[in-house]
């Protein structure tokens, strides 16, 4: 392989070498080299599938070590970006707009990305997915997840992360977030007789979330119950399109209400049956651990263990209280729904009875039409312009007319008796 273009002269022993390779089109690679007088130069061109630039290698008859050889061009390692692997892969890291409520009652709105959220709360990405607003349809079931430094709340339109000194609320503009804020803020100021807070902050957050959610279900039940009761009194005597449409809408609301109340009841029931999760809530923020296998609380300070045991009883009583309210709401919704379904069955029976009456009348009309049609057939026969010699008799018209009427009446009663005997009418 020849060198093209030839060497150019530069001061001293510094030269720039340009190497041309037939594999690439007009690729020039200048490299500054320090050469000895007896060195021989050789150009080696390499081509890869990724179209990398050509590399020039200086070689001599003797082995050239690192002190005598030219400086090798080494690939520089890519320094990690401050945004992590997500940006290096071209993935845009999600940014959440949340409301932050501190234990002192201070409220602020801020934007936080996923990495900062994970770092500040000590959570994992799979934990954040349970409260991520972008997974609203996927994570529609209510959940309460307890982690080492945070509690994740997913109660329908309310999604929040409760920590020891603050809580982050997602989708705060929705009805569930606003109701939660209205319930939580007044709870942060009251204090007990000793001057300290009534409950730990994270328990206040959990109680406020359950209270706002159960209260929302009860309010919806109180709004739909009078309408259903009024419909049950009017139906089935008054069947109109407006009333039936209102019954359908009320039934749909009851189904949705019963489903949400049932899901929340099941979540509370599962949490009450899981002693390990309740004790993890109690030791949050304390120098306590749970002994593996026995779930026994071990604390470095005996007073903290006593406080944790007392809080465990309070948490169980708290959850049982909201479980009873949720059970009552779910049961009432199911009873109203059963009444609406029974009313629909009654309406269906009433409509079937009316359709049966219409069918009977229609059958009677068809029988009468058949009998009269036979008489019309006889009249049509006599109406032909053919001589039958009956037109010469004076009484022939009256006798024929009377015969047709009597025959039609007799035929009608005979067919009616037959249909009654067969229990068709």
Protein backbone atom coordinates (compact mmCIF):
# COMPACT_ATOMS: atom_id res chain seq x y z
CA UNK A 1 0.00 0.00 0.00
CA UNK A 2 1.51 3.35 -1.01
CA UNK A 3 1.43 6.58 0.93
CA UNK A 4 -0.75 9.27 -0.58
CA UNK A 5 -0.20 12.16 -0.45
CA UNK A 6 3.60 12.22 0.16
CA UNK A 7 5.15 13.44 3.38
CA UNK A 8 5.19 17.17 3.92
CA UNK A 9 8.12 18.86 5.60
CA UNK A 10 7.56 20.48 8.97
CA UNK A 11 10.15 21.91 11.39
CA UNK A 12 12.31 19.51 13.37
CA UNK A 13 11.19 15.91 13.55
CA UNK A 14 7.45 16.55 13.69
CA UNK A 15 5.53 15.35 10.69
CA UNK A 16 1.94 14.98 9.69
CA UNK A 17 1.11 11.79 7.84
CA UNK A 18 -1.95 11.43 5.64
CA UNK A 19 -3.03 7.92 4.71
CA UNK A 20 -5.49 7.04 1.99
CA UNK A 21 -7.35 3.75 1.91
CA UNK A 22 -9.31 2.43 -1.06
CA UNK A 23 -11.93 1.07 1.24
CA UNK A 24 -13.14 4.51 2.20
CA UNK A 25 -13.84 7.52 0.05
CA UNK A 26 -11.44 10.42 0.58
CA UNK A 27 -10.77 9.73 4.26
CA UNK A 28 -7.78 11.67 5.55
CA UNK A 29 -6.39 11.08 9.03
CA UNK A 30 -3.62 13.48 10.12
CA UNK A 31 -1.52 12.22 13.05
CA UNK A 32 1.42 14.01 14.64
CA UNK A 33 4.35 11.63 15.03
CA UNK A 34 7.88 11.81 16.45
CA UNK A 35 10.10 9.74 14.20
CA UNK A 36 13.68 8.51 14.36
CA UNK A 37 15.99 8.88 11.42
CA UNK A 38 16.25 5.13 10.79
CA UNK A 39 12.58 4.35 11.19
CA UNK A 40 10.49 2.92 8.46
CA UNK A 41 6.87 3.87 8.14
CA UNK A 42 4.03 1.71 7.22
CA UNK A 43 0.36 2.59 6.82
CA UNK A 44 -2.20 0.04 7.79
CA UNK A 45 -5.83 0.76 7.08
CA UNK A 46 -8.56 -1.01 8.91
CA UNK A 47 -12.22 -1.02 8.06
CA UNK A 48 -15.07 -2.19 10.21
CA UNK A 49 -18.77 -2.62 9.73
CA UNK A 50 -19.37 0.54 11.69
CA UNK A 51 -17.33 2.77 9.28
CA UNK A 52 -14.69 3.76 11.83
CA UNK A 53 -11.84 6.09 10.73
CA UNK A 54 -8.55 4.62 9.52
CA UNK A 55 -5.69 4.02 11.94
CA UNK A 56 -2.10 4.64 11.14
CA UNK A 57 0.54 2.44 12.78
CA UNK A 58 4.23 3.32 12.85
CA UNK A 59 6.52 0.30 12.84
CA UNK A 60 10.28 -0.29 12.66
CA UNK A 61 12.65 -3.21 12.36
CA UNK A 62 13.27 -3.04 16.08
CA UNK A 63 10.63 -3.37 18.78
CA UNK A 64 9.42 0.10 19.72
CA UNK A 65 8.36 0.38 23.32
CA UNK A 66 6.14 3.03 24.90
CA UNK A 67 9.00 5.50 25.51
CA UNK A 68 10.23 5.51 21.92
CA UNK A 69 7.05 4.91 19.96
CA UNK A 70 4.58 7.50 18.91
CA UNK A 71 1.69 8.27 21.13
CA UNK A 72 -1.18 5.81 20.56
CA UNK A 73 -4.65 7.18 20.06
CA UNK A 74 -6.82 5.42 22.63
CA UNK A 75 -10.62 5.61 22.70
CA UNK A 76 -11.82 7.82 25.49
CA UNK A 77 -14.34 6.19 27.82
CA UNK A 78 -17.76 7.77 27.83
CA UNK A 79 -18.28 9.55 31.08
CA UNK A 80 -21.60 8.75 32.74
CA UNK A 81 -24.19 11.46 32.40
CA UNK A 82 -25.74 12.89 35.54
CA UNK A 83 -29.16 11.72 34.39
CA UNK A 84 -28.25 8.02 34.42
CA UNK A 85 -28.89 5.28 31.95
CA UNK A 86 -32.37 6.51 31.02
CA UNK A 87 -31.05 9.47 29.04
CA UNK A 88 -28.19 7.47 27.49
CA UNK A 89 -30.83 5.11 26.09
CA UNK A 90 -32.88 8.01 24.77
CA UNK A 91 -35.67 7.52 27.33
CA UNK A 92 -37.17 10.64 28.80
CA UNK A 93 -37.32 10.45 32.57
CA UNK A 94 -40.82 11.26 33.89
CA UNK A 95 -41.30 14.39 35.95
CA UNK A 96 -44.12 14.54 38.50
CA UNK A 97 -45.88 17.66 39.70
CA UNK A 98 -46.79 17.03 43.32
CA UNK A 99 -48.00 18.86 46.39
CA UNK A 100 -45.69 18.46 49.36
CA UNK A 101 -47.25 18.74 52.82
CA UNK A 102 -44.82 18.76 55.74
CA UNK A 103 -45.60 17.72 59.30
CA UNK A 104 -45.59 21.38 60.31
CA UNK A 105 -48.52 22.06 57.96
CA UNK A 106 -46.50 23.86 55.27
CA UNK A 107 -47.82 23.23 51.75
CA UNK A 108 -45.80 23.69 48.57
CA UNK A 109 -46.07 22.64 44.93
CA UNK A 110 -42.95 21.26 43.28
CA UNK A 111 -41.76 19.22 40.32
CA UNK A 112 -39.65 16.15 40.94
CA UNK A 113 -38.31 13.53 38.56
CA UNK A 114 -38.33 9.82 39.21
CA UNK A 115 -34.66 9.57 40.21
CA UNK A 116 -34.95 12.32 42.82
CA UNK A 117 -38.13 10.75 44.13
CA UNK A 118 -36.49 7.35 44.53
CA UNK A 119 -33.45 8.86 46.21
CA UNK A 120 -35.40 10.97 48.70
CA UNK A 121 -37.90 8.28 49.68
CA UNK A 122 -35.71 5.17 49.56
CA UNK A 123 -38.14 3.40 47.22
CA UNK A 124 -37.64 1.19 44.18
CA UNK A 125 -39.08 1.82 40.71
CA UNK A 126 -41.58 -1.01 41.10
CA UNK A 127 -42.89 0.67 44.25
CA UNK A 128 -43.44 4.01 42.54
CA UNK A 129 -45.46 2.34 39.76
CA UNK A 130 -48.28 1.71 42.25
CA UNK A 131 -48.82 5.47 42.68
CA UNK A 132 -47.68 6.68 39.26
CA UNK A 133 -50.54 8.67 37.65
CA UNK A 134 -49.51 7.44 34.19
CA UNK A 135 -50.51 3.89 35.27
CA UNK A 136 -53.97 4.97 36.39
CA UNK A 137 -55.87 2.27 34.50
CA UNK A 138 -53.33 -0.45 35.29
CA UNK A 139 -53.26 0.22 39.04
CA UNK A 140 -56.94 0.89 39.59
CA UNK A 141 -57.30 -1.39 42.62
CA UNK A 142 -56.78 0.32 46.01
CA UNK A 143 -53.57 -0.56 47.80
CA UNK A 144 -51.55 0.44 50.86
CA UNK A 145 -47.90 -0.59 50.57
CA UNK A 146 -45.57 -0.32 53.57
CA UNK A 147 -41.85 0.14 52.93
CA UNK A 148 -38.93 0.87 55.23
CA UNK A 149 -39.11 4.66 55.01
CA UNK A 150 -42.44 5.35 53.28
CA UNK A 151 -46.07 4.30 52.91
CA UNK A 152 -47.57 4.29 49.41
CA UNK A 153 -51.29 5.05 49.18
CA UNK A 154 -53.37 4.25 46.11
CA UNK A 155 -57.05 4.91 46.81
CA UNK A 156 -58.56 5.57 43.42
CA UNK A 157 -58.17 9.25 42.60
CA UNK A 158 -55.90 9.73 45.64
CA UNK A 159 -52.27 8.69 45.17
CA UNK A 160 -49.66 9.74 47.71
CA UNK A 161 -46.35 8.77 49.33
CA UNK A 162 -46.26 9.32 53.10
CA UNK A 163 -42.89 9.66 54.81
CA UNK A 164 -41.87 10.47 58.36
CA UNK A 165 -41.91 14.26 57.97
CA UNK A 166 -43.76 14.91 54.72
CA UNK A 167 -46.22 13.55 52.20
CA UNK A 168 -46.19 13.86 48.40
CA UNK A 169 -49.60 13.99 46.71
CA UNK A 170 -50.00 13.17 43.02
CA UNK A 171 -52.92 14.51 40.94
CA UNK A 172 -53.76 17.01 43.66
CA UNK A 173 -56.28 18.79 41.41
CA UNK A 174 -58.59 15.80 41.32
CA UNK A 175 -61.50 15.42 43.70
CA UNK A 176 -59.77 12.76 45.81
CA UNK A 177 -56.61 14.85 46.25
CA UNK A 178 -58.56 17.97 47.25
CA UNK A 179 -60.68 16.05 49.77
CA UNK A 180 -57.52 14.51 51.23
CA UNK A 181 -55.89 17.92 51.68
CA UNK A 182 -59.02 19.33 53.29
CA UNK A 183 -59.00 16.44 55.76
CA UNK A 184 -55.26 16.33 56.47
CA UNK A 185 -54.46 20.00 57.11
CA UNK A 186 -56.72 20.43 60.19
CA UNK A 187 -55.24 17.26 61.71
CA UNK A 188 -51.67 18.59 61.78
CA UNK A 189 -52.32 21.32 64.38
CA UNK A 190 -54.10 19.58 67.32
CA UNK A 191 -51.95 18.28 70.19
CA UNK A 192 -52.62 15.99 73.10
CA UNK A 193 -52.50 16.79 76.81
CA UNK A 194 -48.69 16.44 77.02
CA UNK A 195 -48.18 19.01 74.28
CA UNK A 196 -46.99 16.58 71.60
CA UNK A 197 -48.72 15.49 68.42
CA UNK A 198 -51.64 13.11 68.83
CA UNK A 199 -50.28 10.51 66.37
CA UNK A 200 -47.17 10.08 64.21
CA UNK A 201 -47.34 12.00 60.98
CA UNK A 202 -47.50 8.97 58.69
CA UNK A 203 -50.44 7.56 60.69
CA UNK A 204 -52.21 10.89 60.43
CA UNK A 205 -51.75 10.69 56.66
CA UNK A 206 -53.13 7.14 56.50
CA UNK A 207 -56.16 8.02 58.63
CA UNK A 208 -56.87 11.17 56.62
CA UNK A 209 -56.67 9.18 53.38
CA UNK A 210 -59.04 6.46 54.64
CA UNK A 211 -61.42 9.04 56.12
CA UNK A 212 -61.64 11.08 52.92
CA UNK A 213 -62.13 7.96 50.79
CA UNK A 214 -64.80 6.36 52.98
CA UNK A 215 -66.57 9.69 53.39
CA UNK A 216 -66.65 10.11 49.61
CA UNK A 217 -68.28 6.68 49.24
CA UNK A 218 -70.82 7.47 51.95
CA UNK A 219 -71.70 10.78 50.31
CA UNK A 220 -72.28 9.09 46.98
CA UNK A 221 -74.48 6.50 48.69
CA UNK A 222 -76.50 9.20 50.43
CA UNK A 223 -77.01 10.95 47.09
CA UNK A 224 -78.22 7.90 45.18
CA UNK A 225 -80.30 6.23 47.92
CA UNK A 226 -83.28 8.69 47.91
CA UNK A 227 -83.52 8.50 44.13
CA UNK A 228 -83.66 4.72 44.19
CA UNK A 229 -86.26 4.72 46.98
CA UNK A 230 -88.43 7.15 45.00
CA UNK A 231 -88.18 4.98 41.90
CA UNK A 232 -89.13 1.87 43.86
CA UNK A 233 -92.30 3.60 45.08
CA UNK A 234 -93.37 4.75 41.61
CA UNK A 235 -92.58 1.57 39.72
CA UNK A 236 -93.97 -0.66 38.25
CA UNK A 237 -97.30 1.15 38.05
CA UNK A 238 -95.84 4.08 36.15
CA UNK A 239 -93.73 2.92 33.26
CA UNK A 240 -92.29 5.72 31.19
CA UNK A 241 -89.08 6.09 29.26
CA UNK A 242 -87.71 8.75 31.64
CA UNK A 243 -88.30 6.65 34.74
CA UNK A 244 -86.75 3.56 33.18
CA UNK A 245 -83.70 5.58 32.09
CA UNK A 246 -83.30 7.00 35.60
CA UNK A 247 -83.52 3.49 37.02
CA UNK A 248 -80.79 2.33 34.66
CA UNK A 249 -78.48 5.21 35.63
CA UNK A 250 -79.11 4.64 39.35
CA UNK A 251 -78.37 0.96 38.96
CA UNK A 252 -75.12 1.72 37.16
CA UNK A 253 -74.05 4.08 39.97
CA UNK A 254 -74.85 1.44 42.58
CA UNK A 255 -72.78 -1.15 40.74
CA UNK A 256 -69.79 1.22 40.61
CA UNK A 257 -70.22 2.23 44.24
CA UNK A 258 -70.48 -1.36 45.41
CA UNK A 259 -67.40 -2.34 43.42
CA UNK A 260 -65.26 0.44 44.90
CA UNK A 261 -66.49 -0.13 48.42
CA UNK A 262 -65.88 -3.86 48.07
CA UNK A 263 -62.32 -3.33 46.80
CA UNK A 264 -61.52 -0.96 49.68
CA UNK A 265 -63.05 -3.39 52.18
CA UNK A 266 -60.93 -6.23 50.83
CA UNK A 267 -57.78 -4.10 51.08
CA UNK A 268 -58.48 -3.24 54.72
CA UNK A 269 -59.31 -6.85 55.51
CA UNK A 270 -56.06 -8.09 53.98
CA UNK A 271 -54.10 -5.44 55.88
CA UNK A 272 -55.70 -6.40 59.20
CA UNK A 273 -54.85 -10.04 58.63
CA UNK A 274 -51.21 -9.20 57.87
CA UNK A 275 -49.59 -8.52 61.26
CA UNK A 276 -46.18 -8.04 59.67
CA UNK A 277 -47.32 -5.00 57.67
CA UNK A 278 -48.95 -3.38 60.70
CA UNK A 279 -45.78 -3.79 62.75
CA UNK A 280 -43.72 -2.33 59.94
CA UNK A 281 -45.89 0.79 60.19
CA UNK A 282 -45.31 0.92 63.94
CA UNK A 283 -41.50 0.76 63.77
CA UNK A 284 -41.21 3.29 60.94
CA UNK A 285 -38.85 6.08 62.02
CA UNK A 286 -37.66 4.22 65.13
CA UNK A 287 -34.54 2.22 65.95
CA UNK A 288 -36.47 -1.01 65.84
CA UNK A 289 -36.36 -4.14 63.74
CA UNK A 290 -38.56 -7.17 63.16
CA UNK A 291 -37.16 -10.56 64.06
CA UNK A 292 -37.37 -12.89 61.09
CA UNK A 293 -39.82 -15.74 61.39
CA UNK A 294 -41.53 -14.53 64.59
CA UNK A 295 -42.27 -10.91 63.54
CA UNK A 296 -41.31 -9.80 67.04
CA UNK A 297 -40.36 -6.16 67.51
CA UNK A 298 -36.84 -5.53 68.82
CA UNK A 299 -35.89 -1.98 69.82
CA UNK A 300 -32.69 -0.52 71.19
CA UNK A 301 -34.73 1.57 73.64
CA UNK A 302 -37.38 -0.26 75.73
CA UNK A 303 -39.67 2.79 75.69
CA UNK A 304 -39.83 2.73 71.89
CA UNK A 305 -40.90 -0.92 71.96
CA UNK A 306 -43.73 -0.08 74.35
CA UNK A 307 -44.84 2.82 72.18
CA UNK A 308 -44.73 0.60 69.07
CA UNK A 309 -46.92 -2.03 70.75
CA UNK A 310 -49.44 0.63 71.77
CA UNK A 311 -49.48 2.04 68.26
CA UNK A 312 -50.10 -1.44 66.86
CA UNK A 313 -53.33 -1.67 68.84
CA UNK A 314 -54.35 1.82 67.76
CA UNK A 315 -53.69 1.00 64.11
CA UNK A 316 -55.77 -2.16 64.31
CA UNK A 317 -58.65 -0.27 65.95
CA UNK A 318 -58.33 2.45 63.32
CA UNK A 319 -58.45 -0.01 60.45
CA UNK A 320 -61.36 -1.91 62.02
CA UNK A 321 -63.32 1.32 62.34
CA UNK A 322 -62.96 2.17 58.67
CA UNK A 323 -63.55 -1.47 57.75
CA UNK A 324 -66.93 -1.34 59.51
CA UNK A 325 -67.88 1.91 57.77
CA UNK A 326 -66.80 0.51 54.41
CA UNK A 327 -68.69 -2.73 55.09
CA UNK A 328 -71.82 -0.76 55.95
CA UNK A 329 -71.53 1.31 52.77
CA UNK A 330 -70.93 -1.78 50.65
CA UNK A 331 -73.84 -3.65 52.25
CA UNK A 332 -76.27 -0.77 51.76
CA UNK A 333 -75.23 -0.38 48.14
CA UNK A 334 -75.72 -4.11 47.56
CA UNK A 335 -79.18 -4.01 49.15
CA UNK A 336 -80.26 -1.09 46.99
CA UNK A 337 -78.84 -2.84 43.96
CA UNK A 338 -80.76 -6.02 44.77
CA UNK A 339 -83.96 -3.96 45.14
CA UNK A 340 -83.33 -2.31 41.78
CA UNK A 341 -82.76 -5.71 40.18
CA UNK A 342 -85.96 -7.06 41.70
CA UNK A 343 -87.80 -4.02 40.39
CA UNK A 344 -86.37 -4.68 36.93
CA UNK A 345 -87.63 -8.26 37.15
CA UNK A 346 -91.05 -7.00 38.19
CA UNK A 347 -91.07 -4.54 35.32
CA UNK A 348 -90.09 -7.32 32.93
CA UNK A 349 -92.98 -9.50 34.21
CA UNK A 350 -95.39 -6.59 33.90
CA UNK A 351 -94.28 -5.87 30.37
CA UNK A 352 -94.59 -9.55 29.48
CA UNK A 353 -98.16 -9.58 30.83
CA UNK A 354 -98.99 -6.56 28.75
CA UNK A 355 -97.48 -8.11 25.66
CA UNK A 356 -99.58 -11.25 26.33
CA UNK A 357 -102.77 -9.19 26.46
CA UNK A 358 -101.86 -7.50 23.21
CA UNK A 359 -101.19 -10.89 21.63
CA UNK A 360 -104.59 -12.18 22.76
CA UNK A 361 -106.39 -9.20 21.28
CA UNK A 362 -104.40 -9.58 18.11
CA UNK A 363 -105.37 -13.26 17.87
CA UNK A 364 -109.06 -12.46 18.35
CA UNK A 365 -108.90 -9.87 15.61
CA UNK A 366 -107.27 -12.35 13.30
CA UNK A 367 -110.03 -14.93 13.98
CA UNK A 368 -112.74 -12.33 13.34
CA UNK A 369 -110.98 -11.21 10.17
CA UNK A 370 -110.86 -14.80 8.97
CA UNK A 371 -114.59 -15.33 9.53
CA UNK A 372 -115.50 -12.08 7.79
CA UNK A 373 -113.15 -12.99 4.96
CA UNK A 374 -115.10 -16.20 4.34
CA UNK A 375 -118.31 -14.14 4.07
CA UNK A 376 -116.56 -11.74 1.67
CA UNK A 377 -115.56 -14.73 -0.43
CA UNK A 378 -119.21 -15.79 -0.75
CA UNK A 379 -120.23 -12.24 -1.63
CA UNK A 380 -117.52 -12.11 -4.26
CA UNK A 381 -118.77 -15.32 -5.82
CA UNK A 382 -122.26 -13.87 -6.20
CA UNK A 383 -120.83 -10.66 -7.55
CA UNK A 384 -119.60 -12.34 -10.75
CA UNK A 385 -121.53 -11.48 -13.92
CA UNK A 386 -122.75 -15.02 -14.40
CA UNK A 387 -126.32 -16.16 -14.30
CA UNK A 388 -127.25 -18.39 -11.37
CA UNK A 389 -130.97 -17.81 -11.60
CA UNK A 390 -131.00 -16.62 -7.96
CA UNK A 391 -131.16 -13.03 -9.03
CA UNK A 392 -134.68 -13.69 -10.30
CA UNK A 393 -135.94 -14.47 -6.77
CA UNK A 394 -136.99 -11.56 -4.59
CA UNK A 395 -135.81 -13.03 -1.23
CA UNK A 396 -132.50 -14.42 -2.53
CA UNK A 397 -130.51 -11.29 -1.55
CA UNK A 398 -131.79 -11.21 2.03
CA UNK A 399 -131.40 -14.90 2.57
CA UNK A 400 -127.81 -14.84 1.26
CA UNK A 401 -126.86 -11.84 3.40
CA UNK A 402 -128.34 -13.41 6.54
CA UNK A 403 -126.57 -16.67 5.85
CA UNK A 404 -123.22 -14.96 5.47
CA UNK A 405 -123.61 -13.08 8.79
CA UNK A 406 -124.84 -16.09 10.72
CA UNK A 407 -122.12 -18.29 9.31
CA UNK A 408 -119.43 -15.76 10.21
CA UNK A 409 -120.67 -15.44 13.80
CA UNK A 410 -120.98 -19.21 14.26
CA UNK A 411 -117.51 -19.77 12.82
CA UNK A 412 -116.05 -17.12 15.13
CA UNK A 413 -117.51 -18.70 18.28
CA UNK A 414 -116.47 -22.16 17.22
CA UNK A 415 -112.84 -21.07 16.72
CA UNK A 416 -112.90 -19.07 19.96
CA UNK A 417 -114.11 -22.15 21.89
CA UNK A 418 -111.40 -24.25 20.31
CA UNK A 419 -108.66 -21.76 21.27
CA UNK A 420 -109.95 -21.56 24.84
CA UNK A 421 -110.05 -25.33 25.08
CA UNK A 422 -106.40 -25.50 23.95
CA UNK A 423 -105.55 -22.69 26.44
CA UNK A 424 -104.23 -20.51 23.70
CA UNK A 425 -106.53 -17.67 24.82
